[in-house]
Amino acid sequence: RRYETLIASDDPLCLGGTLEVSEERCQIITDEVTALAAIRERGVKEFR
């Protein structure tokens, strides 16, 4: 419900969550989704 728009956007994303690893599968249970472009925009100090 929080991240529906981001997940459907086709934009590159950063996901945070819990990794589940077993012999059958490897998957992530995600509880945080952020657009990579937004992360960059917040962290850029100079546009060169």
ModelCIF file with pLDDT and N, C-alpha, C, O atoms, coordinates in Angstrom:
data_MODEL
#
_entry.id   MODEL 
#
_entity.id                         1 
_entity.type                       polymer 
_entity.pdbx_number_of_molecules   1 
#
_entity_poly.entity_id                      1 
_entity_poly.type                           'polypeptide(L)' 
_entity_poly.nstd_linkage                   no 
_entity_poly.nstd_monomer                   no 
_entity_poly.pdbx_seq_one_letter_code       RRYETLIASDDPLCLGGTLEVSEERCQIITDEVTALAAIRERGVKEFR 
_entity_poly.pdbx_seq_one_letter_code_can   RRYETLIASDDPLCLGGTLEVSEERCQIITDEVTALAAIRERGVKEFR 
_entity_poly.pdbx_strand_id                 A 
#
loop_
_entity_poly_seq.entity_id 
_entity_poly_seq.num 
_entity_poly_seq.mon_id 
_entity_poly_seq.hetero 
1 1  ARG n 
1 2  ARG n 
1 3  TYR n 
1 4  GLU n 
1 5  THR n 
1 6  LEU n 
1 7  ILE n 
1 8  ALA n 
1 9  SER n 
1 10 ASP n 
1 11 ASP n 
1 12 PRO n 
1 13 LEU n 
1 14 CYS n 
1 15 LEU n 
1 16 GLY n 
1 17 GLY n 
1 18 THR n 
1 19 LEU n 
1 20 GLU n 
1 21 VAL n 
1 22 SER n 
1 23 GLU n 
1 24 GLU n 
1 25 ARG n 
1 26 CYS n 
1 27 GLN n 
1 28 ILE n 
1 29 ILE n 
1 30 THR n 
1 31 ASP n 
1 32 GLU n 
1 33 VAL n 
1 34 THR n 
1 35 ALA n 
1 36 LEU n 
1 37 ALA n 
1 38 ALA n 
1 39 ILE n 
1 40 ARG n 
1 41 GLU n 
1 42 ARG n 
1 43 GLY n 
1 44 VAL n 
1 45 LYS n 
1 46 GLU n 
1 47 PHE n 
1 48 ARG n 
#
_struct_asym.id          A 
_struct_asym.entity_id   1 
#
loop_
_ma_qa_metric.id 
_ma_qa_metric.mode 
_ma_qa_metric.name 
_ma_qa_metric.software_group_id 
_ma_qa_metric.type 
1 global pLDDT . pLDDT 
2 local  pLDDT . pLDDT 
#
_ma_qa_metric_global.metric_id      1 
_ma_qa_metric_global.metric_value   90.58 
_ma_qa_metric_global.model_id       1 
_ma_qa_metric_global.ordinal_id     1 
#
loop_
_ma_qa_metric_local.label_asym_id 
_ma_qa_metric_local.label_comp_id 
_ma_qa_metric_local.label_seq_id 
_ma_qa_metric_local.metric_id 
_ma_qa_metric_local.metric_value 
_ma_qa_metric_local.model_id 
_ma_qa_metric_local.ordinal_id 
A ARG 1  2 95.00 1 1  
A ARG 2  2 95.00 1 2  
A TYR 3  2 95.00 1 3  
A GLU 4  2 94.00 1 4  
A THR 5  2 95.00 1 5  
A LEU 6  2 94.00 1 6  
A ILE 7  2 95.00 1 7  
A ALA 8  2 93.00 1 8  
A SER 9  2 88.00 1 9  
A ASP 10 2 85.00 1 10 
A ASP 11 2 90.00 1 11 
A PRO 12 2 93.00 1 12 
A LEU 13 2 95.00 1 13 
A CYS 14 2 95.00 1 14 
A LEU 15 2 95.00 1 15 
A GLY 16 2 95.00 1 16 
A GLY 17 2 94.00 1 17 
A THR 18 2 95.00 1 18 
A LEU 19 2 94.00 1 19 
A GLU 20 2 94.00 1 20 
A VAL 21 2 92.00 1 21 
A SER 22 2 88.00 1 22 
A GLU 23 2 84.00 1 23 
A GLU 24 2 83.00 1 24 
A ARG 25 2 87.00 1 25 
A CYS 26 2 93.00 1 26 
A GLN 27 2 95.00 1 27 
A ILE 28 2 96.00 1 28 
A ILE 29 2 96.00 1 29 
A THR 30 2 95.00 1 30 
A ASP 31 2 94.00 1 31 
A GLU 32 2 95.00 1 32 
A VAL 33 2 95.00 1 33 
A THR 34 2 94.00 1 34 
A ALA 35 2 93.00 1 35 
A LEU 36 2 91.00 1 36 
A ALA 37 2 87.00 1 37 
A ALA 38 2 87.00 1 38 
A ILE 39 2 87.00 1 39 
A ARG 40 2 82.00 1 40 
A GLU 41 2 79.00 1 41 
A ARG 42 2 81.00 1 42 
A GLY 43 2 78.00 1 43 
A VAL 44 2 81.00 1 44 
A LYS 45 2 84.00 1 45 
A GLU 46 2 87.00 1 46 
A PHE 47 2 87.00 1 47 
A ARG 48 2 88.00 1 48 
#
loop_
_atom_site.group_PDB 
_atom_site.id 
_atom_site.type_symbol 
_atom_site.label_atom_id 
_atom_site.label_alt_id 
_atom_site.label_comp_id 
_atom_site.label_asym_id 
_atom_site.label_entity_id 
_atom_site.label_seq_id 
_atom_site.pdbx_PDB_ins_code 
_atom_site.Cartn_x 
_atom_site.Cartn_y 
_atom_site.Cartn_z 
_atom_site.occupancy 
_atom_site.B_iso_or_equiv 
_atom_site.pdbx_formal_charge 
_atom_site.auth_seq_id 
_atom_site.auth_comp_id 
_atom_site.auth_asym_id 
_atom_site.auth_atom_id 
_atom_site.pdbx_PDB_model_num 
ATOM 1   N N  . ARG A 1 1  ? 0.834  -1.209  0.000   1.00 95.00 ? 1  ARG A N  1 
ATOM 2   C CA . ARG A 1 1  ? 0.000  0.000   0.000   1.00 95.00 ? 1  ARG A CA 1 
ATOM 3   C C  . ARG A 1 1  ? 0.864  1.253   0.000   1.00 95.00 ? 1  ARG A C  1 
ATOM 4   O O  . ARG A 1 1  ? 0.507  2.253   -0.623  1.00 95.00 ? 1  ARG A O  1 
ATOM 5   N N  . ARG A 1 2  ? 2.001  1.205   0.696   1.00 95.00 ? 2  ARG A N  1 
ATOM 6   C CA . ARG A 1 2  ? 2.884  2.383   0.761   1.00 95.00 ? 2  ARG A CA 1 
ATOM 7   C C  . ARG A 1 2  ? 3.632  2.609   -0.544  1.00 95.00 ? 2  ARG A C  1 
ATOM 8   O O  . ARG A 1 2  ? 3.867  3.751   -0.941  1.00 95.00 ? 2  ARG A O  1 
ATOM 9   N N  . TYR A 1 3  ? 4.006  1.519   -1.212  1.00 95.00 ? 3  TYR A N  1 
ATOM 10  C CA . TYR A 1 3  ? 4.938  1.640   -2.339  1.00 95.00 ? 3  TYR A CA 1 
ATOM 11  C C  . TYR A 1 3  ? 4.334  1.216   -3.677  1.00 95.00 ? 3  TYR A C  1 
ATOM 12  O O  . TYR A 1 3  ? 5.071  0.995   -4.638  1.00 95.00 ? 3  TYR A O  1 
ATOM 13  N N  . GLU A 1 4  ? 3.042  1.103   -3.756  1.00 94.00 ? 4  GLU A N  1 
ATOM 14  C CA . GLU A 1 4  ? 2.381  0.619   -4.972  1.00 94.00 ? 4  GLU A CA 1 
ATOM 15  C C  . GLU A 1 4  ? 2.792  1.407   -6.205  1.00 94.00 ? 4  GLU A C  1 
ATOM 16  O O  . GLU A 1 4  ? 3.111  0.820   -7.239  1.00 94.00 ? 4  GLU A O  1 
ATOM 17  N N  . THR A 1 5  ? 2.788  2.737   -6.104  1.00 95.00 ? 5  THR A N  1 
ATOM 18  C CA . THR A 1 5  ? 3.109  3.575   -7.264  1.00 95.00 ? 5  THR A CA 1 
ATOM 19  C C  . THR A 1 5  ? 4.534  3.350   -7.741  1.00 95.00 ? 5  THR A C  1 
ATOM 20  O O  . THR A 1 5  ? 4.774  3.239   -8.944  1.00 95.00 ? 5  THR A O  1 
ATOM 21  N N  . LEU A 1 6  ? 5.485  3.279   -6.813  1.00 94.00 ? 6  LEU A N  1 
ATOM 22  C CA . LEU A 1 6  ? 6.883  3.062   -7.186  1.00 94.00 ? 6  LEU A CA 1 
ATOM 23  C C  . LEU A 1 6  ? 7.075  1.705   -7.855  1.00 94.00 ? 6  LEU A C  1 
ATOM 24  O O  . LEU A 1 6  ? 7.782  1.596   -8.857  1.00 94.00 ? 6  LEU A O  1 
ATOM 25  N N  . ILE A 1 7  ? 6.451  0.680   -7.304  1.00 95.00 ? 7  ILE A N  1 
ATOM 26  C CA . ILE A 1 7  ? 6.632  -0.675  -7.845  1.00 95.00 ? 7  ILE A CA 1 
ATOM 27  C C  . ILE A 1 7  ? 6.117  -0.764  -9.273  1.00 95.00 ? 7  ILE A C  1 
ATOM 28  O O  . ILE A 1 7  ? 6.667  -1.510  -10.083 1.00 95.00 ? 7  ILE A O  1 
ATOM 29  N N  . ALA A 1 8  ? 5.071  -0.015  -9.591  1.00 93.00 ? 8  ALA A N  1 
ATOM 30  C CA . ALA A 1 8  ? 4.471  -0.065  -10.926 1.00 93.00 ? 8  ALA A CA 1 
ATOM 31  C C  . ALA A 1 8  ? 5.095  0.928   -11.902 1.00 93.00 ? 8  ALA A C  1 
ATOM 32  O O  . ALA A 1 8  ? 4.652  1.017   -13.047 1.00 93.00 ? 8  ALA A O  1 
ATOM 33  N N  . SER A 1 9  ? 6.121  1.682   -11.471 1.00 88.00 ? 9  SER A N  1 
ATOM 34  C CA . SER A 1 9  ? 6.618  2.810   -12.266 1.00 88.00 ? 9  SER A CA 1 
ATOM 35  C C  . SER A 1 9  ? 7.597  2.455   -13.364 1.00 88.00 ? 9  SER A C  1 
ATOM 36  O O  . SER A 1 9  ? 7.801  3.270   -14.264 1.00 88.00 ? 9  SER A O  1 
ATOM 37  N N  . ASP A 1 10 ? 8.223  1.271   -13.341 1.00 85.00 ? 10 ASP A N  1 
ATOM 38  C CA . ASP A 1 10 ? 9.280  0.869   -14.279 1.00 85.00 ? 10 ASP A CA 1 
ATOM 39  C C  . ASP A 1 10 ? 10.595 1.594   -14.037 1.00 85.00 ? 10 ASP A C  1 
ATOM 40  O O  . ASP A 1 10 ? 11.531 1.425   -14.818 1.00 85.00 ? 10 ASP A O  1 
ATOM 41  N N  . ASP A 1 11 ? 10.697 2.396   -12.981 1.00 90.00 ? 11 ASP A N  1 
ATOM 42  C CA . ASP A 1 11 ? 11.943 3.103   -12.687 1.00 90.00 ? 11 ASP A CA 1 
ATOM 43  C C  . ASP A 1 11 ? 12.894 2.193   -11.899 1.00 90.00 ? 11 ASP A C  1 
ATOM 44  O O  . ASP A 1 11 ? 12.430 1.330   -11.154 1.00 90.00 ? 11 ASP A O  1 
ATOM 45  N N  . PRO A 1 12 ? 14.210 2.366   -12.047 1.00 93.00 ? 12 PRO A N  1 
ATOM 46  C CA . PRO A 1 12 ? 15.156 1.623   -11.216 1.00 93.00 ? 12 PRO A CA 1 
ATOM 47  C C  . PRO A 1 12 ? 14.926 1.912   -9.737  1.00 93.00 ? 12 PRO A C  1 
ATOM 48  O O  . PRO A 1 12 ? 14.735 3.063   -9.345  1.00 93.00 ? 12 PRO A O  1 
ATOM 49  N N  . LEU A 1 13 ? 14.944 0.867   -8.925  1.00 95.00 ? 13 LEU A N  1 
ATOM 50  C CA . LEU A 1 13 ? 14.575 0.990   -7.524  1.00 95.00 ? 13 LEU A CA 1 
ATOM 51  C C  . LEU A 1 13 ? 15.668 0.454   -6.612  1.00 95.00 ? 13 LEU A C  1 
ATOM 52  O O  . LEU A 1 13 ? 16.526 -0.321  -7.034  1.00 95.00 ? 13 LEU A O  1 
ATOM 53  N N  . CYS A 1 14 ? 15.619 0.882   -5.352  1.00 95.00 ? 14 CYS A N  1 
ATOM 54  C CA . CYS A 1 14 ? 16.398 0.292   -4.277  1.00 95.00 ? 14 CYS A CA 1 
ATOM 55  C C  . CYS A 1 14 ? 15.413 -0.341  -3.297  1.00 95.00 ? 14 CYS A C  1 
ATOM 56  O O  . CYS A 1 14 ? 14.504 0.328   -2.806  1.00 95.00 ? 14 CYS A O  1 
ATOM 57  N N  . LEU A 1 15 ? 15.594 -1.626  -3.016  1.00 95.00 ? 15 LEU A N  1 
ATOM 58  C CA . LEU A 1 15 ? 14.715 -2.338  -2.098  1.00 95.00 ? 15 LEU A CA 1 
ATOM 59  C C  . LEU A 1 15 ? 15.477 -2.710  -0.840  1.00 95.00 ? 15 LEU A C  1 
ATOM 60  O O  . LEU A 1 15 ? 16.629 -3.139  -0.898  1.00 95.00 ? 15 LEU A O  1 
ATOM 61  N N  . GLY A 1 16 ? 14.817 -2.541  0.299   1.00 95.00 ? 16 GLY A N  1 
ATOM 62  C CA . GLY A 1 16 ? 15.357 -3.018  1.560   1.00 95.00 ? 16 GLY A CA 1 
ATOM 63  C C  . GLY A 1 16 ? 14.443 -4.077  2.123   1.00 95.00 ? 16 GLY A C  1 
ATOM 64  O O  . GLY A 1 16 ? 13.223 -3.970  2.000   1.00 95.00 ? 16 GLY A O  1 
ATOM 65  N N  . GLY A 1 17 ? 15.011 -5.104  2.743   1.00 94.00 ? 17 GLY A N  1 
ATOM 66  C CA . GLY A 1 17 ? 14.157 -6.151  3.278   1.00 94.00 ? 17 GLY A CA 1 
ATOM 67  C C  . GLY A 1 17 ? 14.943 -7.286  3.889   1.00 94.00 ? 17 GLY A C  1 
ATOM 68  O O  . GLY A 1 17 ? 16.140 -7.176  4.152   1.00 94.00 ? 17 GLY A O  1 
ATOM 69  N N  . THR A 1 18 ? 14.233 -8.386  4.110   1.00 95.00 ? 18 THR A N  1 
ATOM 70  C CA . THR A 1 18 ? 14.817 -9.560  4.743   1.00 95.00 ? 18 THR A CA 1 
ATOM 71  C C  . THR A 1 18 ? 15.049 -10.640 3.701   1.00 95.00 ? 18 THR A C  1 
ATOM 72  O O  . THR A 1 18 ? 14.160 -10.971 2.917   1.00 95.00 ? 18 THR A O  1 
ATOM 73  N N  . LEU A 1 19 ? 16.254 -11.181 3.706   1.00 94.00 ? 19 LEU A N  1 
ATOM 74  C CA . LEU A 1 19 ? 16.618 -12.224 2.747   1.00 94.00 ? 19 LEU A CA 1 
ATOM 75  C C  . LEU A 1 19 ? 16.229 -13.587 3.297   1.00 94.00 ? 19 LEU A C  1 
ATOM 76  O O  . LEU A 1 19 ? 16.558 -13.927 4.433   1.00 94.00 ? 19 LEU A O  1 
ATOM 77  N N  . GLU A 1 20 ? 15.524 -14.367 2.480   1.00 94.00 ? 20 GLU A N  1 
ATOM 78  C CA . GLU A 1 20 ? 15.183 -15.740 2.845   1.00 94.00 ? 20 GLU A CA 1 
ATOM 79  C C  . GLU A 1 20 ? 15.907 -16.686 1.899   1.00 94.00 ? 20 GLU A C  1 
ATOM 80  O O  . GLU A 1 20 ? 15.649 -16.688 0.695   1.00 94.00 ? 20 GLU A O  1 
ATOM 81  N N  . VAL A 1 21 ? 16.813 -17.488 2.443   1.00 92.00 ? 21 VAL A N  1 
ATOM 82  C CA . VAL A 1 21 ? 17.629 -18.410 1.650   1.00 92.00 ? 21 VAL A CA 1 
ATOM 83  C C  . VAL A 1 21 ? 17.380 -19.830 2.122   1.00 92.00 ? 21 VAL A C  1 
ATOM 84  O O  . VAL A 1 21 ? 17.457 -20.125 3.315   1.00 92.00 ? 21 VAL A O  1 
ATOM 85  N N  . SER A 1 22 ? 17.082 -20.699 1.179   1.00 88.00 ? 22 SER A N  1 
ATOM 86  C CA . SER A 1 22 ? 16.931 -22.122 1.486   1.00 88.00 ? 22 SER A CA 1 
ATOM 87  C C  . SER A 1 22 ? 17.436 -22.918 0.296   1.00 88.00 ? 22 SER A C  1 
ATOM 88  O O  . SER A 1 22 ? 17.884 -22.345 -0.698  1.00 88.00 ? 22 SER A O  1 
ATOM 89  N N  . GLU A 1 23 ? 17.364 -24.242 0.397   1.00 84.00 ? 23 GLU A N  1 
ATOM 90  C CA . GLU A 1 23 ? 17.801 -25.068 -0.728  1.00 84.00 ? 23 GLU A CA 1 
ATOM 91  C C  . GLU A 1 23 ? 16.889 -24.888 -1.935  1.00 84.00 ? 23 GLU A C  1 
ATOM 92  O O  . GLU A 1 23 ? 17.323 -25.060 -3.074  1.00 84.00 ? 23 GLU A O  1 
ATOM 93  N N  . GLU A 1 24 ? 15.623 -24.542 -1.689  1.00 83.00 ? 24 GLU A N  1 
ATOM 94  C CA . GLU A 1 24 ? 14.659 -24.435 -2.788  1.00 83.00 ? 24 GLU A CA 1 
ATOM 95  C C  . GLU A 1 24 ? 14.657 -23.065 -3.446  1.00 83.00 ? 24 GLU A C  1 
ATOM 96  O O  . GLU A 1 24 ? 14.443 -22.961 -4.654  1.00 83.00 ? 24 GLU A O  1 
ATOM 97  N N  . ARG A 1 25 ? 14.891 -22.014 -2.672  1.00 87.00 ? 25 ARG A N  1 
ATOM 98  C CA . ARG A 1 25 ? 14.734 -20.686 -3.254  1.00 87.00 ? 25 ARG A CA 1 
ATOM 99  C C  . ARG A 1 25 ? 15.518 -19.636 -2.500  1.00 87.00 ? 25 ARG A C  1 
ATOM 100 O O  . ARG A 1 25 ? 15.989 -19.843 -1.381  1.00 87.00 ? 25 ARG A O  1 
ATOM 101 N N  . CYS A 1 26 ? 15.636 -18.495 -3.166  1.00 93.00 ? 26 CYS A N  1 
ATOM 102 C CA . CYS A 1 26 ? 16.253 -17.310 -2.569  1.00 93.00 ? 26 CYS A CA 1 
ATOM 103 C C  . CYS A 1 26 ? 15.335 -16.143 -2.891  1.00 93.00 ? 26 CYS A C  1 
ATOM 104 O O  . CYS A 1 26 ? 15.088 -15.856 -4.063  1.00 93.00 ? 26 CYS A O  1 
ATOM 105 N N  . GLN A 1 27 ? 14.824 -15.465 -1.866  1.00 95.00 ? 27 GLN A N  1 
ATOM 106 C CA . GLN A 1 27 ? 13.885 -14.376 -2.107  1.00 95.00 ? 27 GLN A CA 1 
ATOM 107 C C  . GLN A 1 27 ? 14.043 -13.295 -1.049  1.00 95.00 ? 27 GLN A C  1 
ATOM 108 O O  . GLN A 1 27 ? 14.654 -13.504 -0.001  1.00 95.00 ? 27 GLN A O  1 
ATOM 109 N N  . ILE A 1 28 ? 13.478 -12.143 -1.352  1.00 96.00 ? 28 ILE A N  1 
ATOM 110 C CA . ILE A 1 28 ? 13.525 -11.012 -0.423  1.00 96.00 ? 28 ILE A CA 1 
ATOM 111 C C  . ILE A 1 28 ? 12.095 -10.644 -0.032  1.00 96.00 ? 28 ILE A C  1 
ATOM 112 O O  . ILE A 1 28 ? 11.229 -10.505 -0.895  1.00 96.00 ? 28 ILE A O  1 
ATOM 113 N N  . ILE A 1 29 ? 11.849 -10.485 1.275   1.00 96.00 ? 29 ILE A N  1 
ATOM 114 C CA . ILE A 1 29 ? 10.591 -9.932  1.767   1.00 96.00 ? 29 ILE A CA 1 
ATOM 115 C C  . ILE A 1 29 ? 10.846 -8.442  1.995   1.00 96.00 ? 29 ILE A C  1 
ATOM 116 O O  . ILE A 1 29 ? 11.559 -8.060  2.922   1.00 96.00 ? 29 ILE A O  1 
ATOM 117 N N  . THR A 1 30 ? 10.266 -7.620  1.152   1.00 95.00 ? 30 THR A N  1 
ATOM 118 C CA . THR A 1 30 ? 10.612 -6.201  1.116   1.00 95.00 ? 30 THR A CA 1 
ATOM 119 C C  . THR A 1 30 ? 9.699  -5.366  2.002   1.00 95.00 ? 30 THR A C  1 
ATOM 120 O O  . THR A 1 30 ? 8.480  -5.539  1.997   1.00 95.00 ? 30 THR A O  1 
ATOM 121 N N  . ASP A 1 31 ? 10.312 -4.449  2.771   1.00 94.00 ? 31 ASP A N  1 
ATOM 122 C CA . ASP A 1 31 ? 9.526  -3.517  3.576   1.00 94.00 ? 31 ASP A CA 1 
ATOM 123 C C  . ASP A 1 31 ? 9.895  -2.057  3.300   1.00 94.00 ? 31 ASP A C  1 
ATOM 124 O O  . ASP A 1 31 ? 9.388  -1.145  3.954   1.00 94.00 ? 31 ASP A O  1 
ATOM 125 N N  . GLU A 1 32 ? 10.798 -1.843  2.310   1.00 95.00 ? 32 GLU A N  1 
ATOM 126 C CA . GLU A 1 32 ? 11.201 -0.471  1.965   1.00 95.00 ? 32 GLU A CA 1 
ATOM 127 C C  . GLU A 1 32 ? 11.530 -0.398  0.477   1.00 95.00 ? 32 GLU A C  1 
ATOM 128 O O  . GLU A 1 32 ? 12.290 -1.216  -0.042  1.00 95.00 ? 32 GLU A O  1 
ATOM 129 N N  . VAL A 1 33 ? 10.948 0.595   -0.205  1.00 95.00 ? 33 VAL A N  1 
ATOM 130 C CA . VAL A 1 33 ? 11.185 0.780   -1.640  1.00 95.00 ? 33 VAL A CA 1 
ATOM 131 C C  . VAL A 1 33 ? 11.453 2.259   -1.894  1.00 95.00 ? 33 VAL A C  1 
ATOM 132 O O  . VAL A 1 33 ? 10.684 3.116   -1.460  1.00 95.00 ? 33 VAL A O  1 
ATOM 133 N N  . THR A 1 34 ? 12.547 2.558   -2.599  1.00 94.00 ? 34 THR A N  1 
ATOM 134 C CA . THR A 1 34 ? 12.912 3.940   -2.918  1.00 94.00 ? 34 THR A CA 1 
ATOM 135 C C  . THR A 1 34 ? 13.384 4.012   -4.364  1.00 94.00 ? 34 THR A C  1 
ATOM 136 O O  . THR A 1 34 ? 14.085 3.114   -4.829  1.00 94.00 ? 34 THR A O  1 
ATOM 137 N N  . ALA A 1 35 ? 13.014 5.061   -5.072  1.00 93.00 ? 35 ALA A N  1 
ATOM 138 C CA . ALA A 1 35 ? 13.508 5.271   -6.430  1.00 93.00 ? 35 ALA A CA 1 
ATOM 139 C C  . ALA A 1 35 ? 14.982 5.639   -6.382  1.00 93.00 ? 35 ALA A C  1 
ATOM 140 O O  . ALA A 1 35 ? 15.386 6.500   -5.601  1.00 93.00 ? 35 ALA A O  1 
ATOM 141 N N  . LEU A 1 36 ? 15.787 4.988   -7.219  1.00 91.00 ? 36 LEU A N  1 
ATOM 142 C CA . LEU A 1 36 ? 17.218 5.304   -7.246  1.00 91.00 ? 36 LEU A CA 1 
ATOM 143 C C  . LEU A 1 36 ? 17.463 6.765   -7.609  1.00 91.00 ? 36 LEU A C  1 
ATOM 144 O O  . LEU A 1 36 ? 18.392 7.389   -7.097  1.00 91.00 ? 36 LEU A O  1 
ATOM 145 N N  . ALA A 1 37 ? 16.635 7.307   -8.488  1.00 87.00 ? 37 ALA A N  1 
ATOM 146 C CA . ALA A 1 37 ? 16.798 8.711   -8.879  1.00 87.00 ? 37 ALA A CA 1 
ATOM 147 C C  . ALA A 1 37 ? 16.617 9.634   -7.675  1.00 87.00 ? 37 ALA A C  1 
ATOM 148 O O  . ALA A 1 37 ? 17.328 10.631  -7.551  1.00 87.00 ? 37 ALA A O  1 
ATOM 149 N N  . ALA A 1 38 ? 15.681 9.315   -6.793  1.00 87.00 ? 38 ALA A N  1 
ATOM 150 C CA . ALA A 1 38 ? 15.456 10.137  -5.601  1.00 87.00 ? 38 ALA A CA 1 
ATOM 151 C C  . ALA A 1 38 ? 16.632 10.050  -4.644  1.00 87.00 ? 38 ALA A C  1 
ATOM 152 O O  . ALA A 1 38 ? 17.024 11.047  -4.039  1.00 87.00 ? 38 ALA A O  1 
ATOM 153 N N  . ILE A 1 39 ? 17.202 8.836   -4.507  1.00 87.00 ? 39 ILE A N  1 
ATOM 154 C CA . ILE A 1 39 ? 18.373 8.670   -3.643  1.00 87.00 ? 39 ILE A CA 1 
ATOM 155 C C  . ILE A 1 39 ? 19.533 9.501   -4.168  1.00 87.00 ? 39 ILE A C  1 
ATOM 156 O O  . ILE A 1 39 ? 20.227 10.175  -3.408  1.00 87.00 ? 39 ILE A O  1 
ATOM 157 N N  . ARG A 1 40 ? 19.731 9.442   -5.475  1.00 82.00 ? 40 ARG A N  1 
ATOM 158 C CA . ARG A 1 40 ? 20.822 10.223  -6.068  1.00 82.00 ? 40 ARG A CA 1 
ATOM 159 C C  . ARG A 1 40 ? 20.588 11.716  -5.866  1.00 82.00 ? 40 ARG A C  1 
ATOM 160 O O  . ARG A 1 40 ? 21.498 12.451  -5.482  1.00 82.00 ? 40 ARG A O  1 
ATOM 161 N N  . GLU A 1 41 ? 19.366 12.154  -6.127  1.00 79.00 ? 41 GLU A N  1 
ATOM 162 C CA . GLU A 1 41 ? 19.077 13.590  -6.037  1.00 79.00 ? 41 GLU A CA 1 
ATOM 163 C C  . GLU A 1 41 ? 19.365 14.122  -4.644  1.00 79.00 ? 41 GLU A C  1 
ATOM 164 O O  . GLU A 1 41 ? 19.847 15.245  -4.491  1.00 79.00 ? 41 GLU A O  1 
ATOM 165 N N  . ARG A 1 42 ? 19.072 13.318  -3.626  1.00 81.00 ? 42 ARG A N  1 
ATOM 166 C CA . ARG A 1 42 ? 19.333 13.766  -2.247  1.00 81.00 ? 42 ARG A CA 1 
ATOM 167 C C  . ARG A 1 42 ? 20.820 13.779  -1.925  1.00 81.00 ? 42 ARG A C  1 
ATOM 168 O O  . ARG A 1 42 ? 21.270 14.554  -1.081  1.00 81.00 ? 42 ARG A O  1 
ATOM 169 N N  . GLY A 1 43 ? 21.601 12.899  -2.613  1.00 78.00 ? 43 GLY A N  1 
ATOM 170 C CA . GLY A 1 43 ? 23.010 12.750  -2.255  1.00 78.00 ? 43 GLY A CA 1 
ATOM 171 C C  . GLY A 1 43 ? 23.991 13.525  -3.116  1.00 78.00 ? 43 GLY A C  1 
ATOM 172 O O  . GLY A 1 43 ? 25.178 13.580  -2.791  1.00 78.00 ? 43 GLY A O  1 
ATOM 173 N N  . VAL A 1 44 ? 23.523 14.133  -4.219  1.00 81.00 ? 44 VAL A N  1 
ATOM 174 C CA . VAL A 1 44 ? 24.436 14.823  -5.135  1.00 81.00 ? 44 VAL A CA 1 
ATOM 175 C C  . VAL A 1 44 ? 24.902 16.147  -4.542  1.00 81.00 ? 44 VAL A C  1 
ATOM 176 O O  . VAL A 1 44 ? 24.086 16.938  -4.067  1.00 81.00 ? 44 VAL A O  1 
ATOM 177 N N  . LYS A 1 45 ? 26.217 16.392  -4.568  1.00 84.00 ? 45 LYS A N  1 
ATOM 178 C CA . LYS A 1 45 ? 26.787 17.643  -4.072  1.00 84.00 ? 45 LYS A CA 1 
ATOM 179 C C  . LYS A 1 45 ? 27.120 18.610  -5.205  1.00 84.00 ? 45 LYS A C  1 
ATOM 180 O O  . LYS A 1 45 ? 27.169 19.822  -4.995  1.00 84.00 ? 45 LYS A O  1 
ATOM 181 N N  . GLU A 1 46 ? 27.352 18.073  -6.417  1.00 87.00 ? 46 GLU A N  1 
ATOM 182 C CA . GLU A 1 46 ? 27.654 18.927  -7.563  1.00 87.00 ? 46 GLU A CA 1 
ATOM 183 C C  . GLU A 1 46 ? 27.158 18.252  -8.843  1.00 87.00 ? 46 GLU A C  1 
ATOM 184 O O  . GLU A 1 46 ? 27.357 17.053  -9.042  1.00 87.00 ? 46 GLU A O  1 
ATOM 185 N N  . PHE A 1 47 ? 26.515 19.033  -9.699  1.00 87.00 ? 47 PHE A N  1 
ATOM 186 C CA . PHE A 1 47 ? 26.013 18.546  -10.985 1.00 87.00 ? 47 PHE A CA 1 
ATOM 187 C C  . PHE A 1 47 ? 27.030 18.968  -12.048 1.00 87.00 ? 47 PHE A C  1 
ATOM 188 O O  . PHE A 1 47 ? 27.107 20.138  -12.423 1.00 87.00 ? 47 PHE A O  1 
ATOM 189 N N  . ARG A 1 48 ? 27.808 17.993  -12.524 1.00 88.00 ? 48 ARG A N  1 
ATOM 190 C CA . ARG A 1 48 ? 28.952 18.312  -13.375 1.00 88.00 ? 48 ARG A CA 1 
ATOM 191 C C  . ARG A 1 48 ? 28.708 17.836  -14.798 1.00 88.00 ? 48 ARG A C  1 
ATOM 192 O O  . ARG A 1 48 ? 29.564 18.016  -15.664 1.00 88.00 ? 48 ARG A O  1 
#
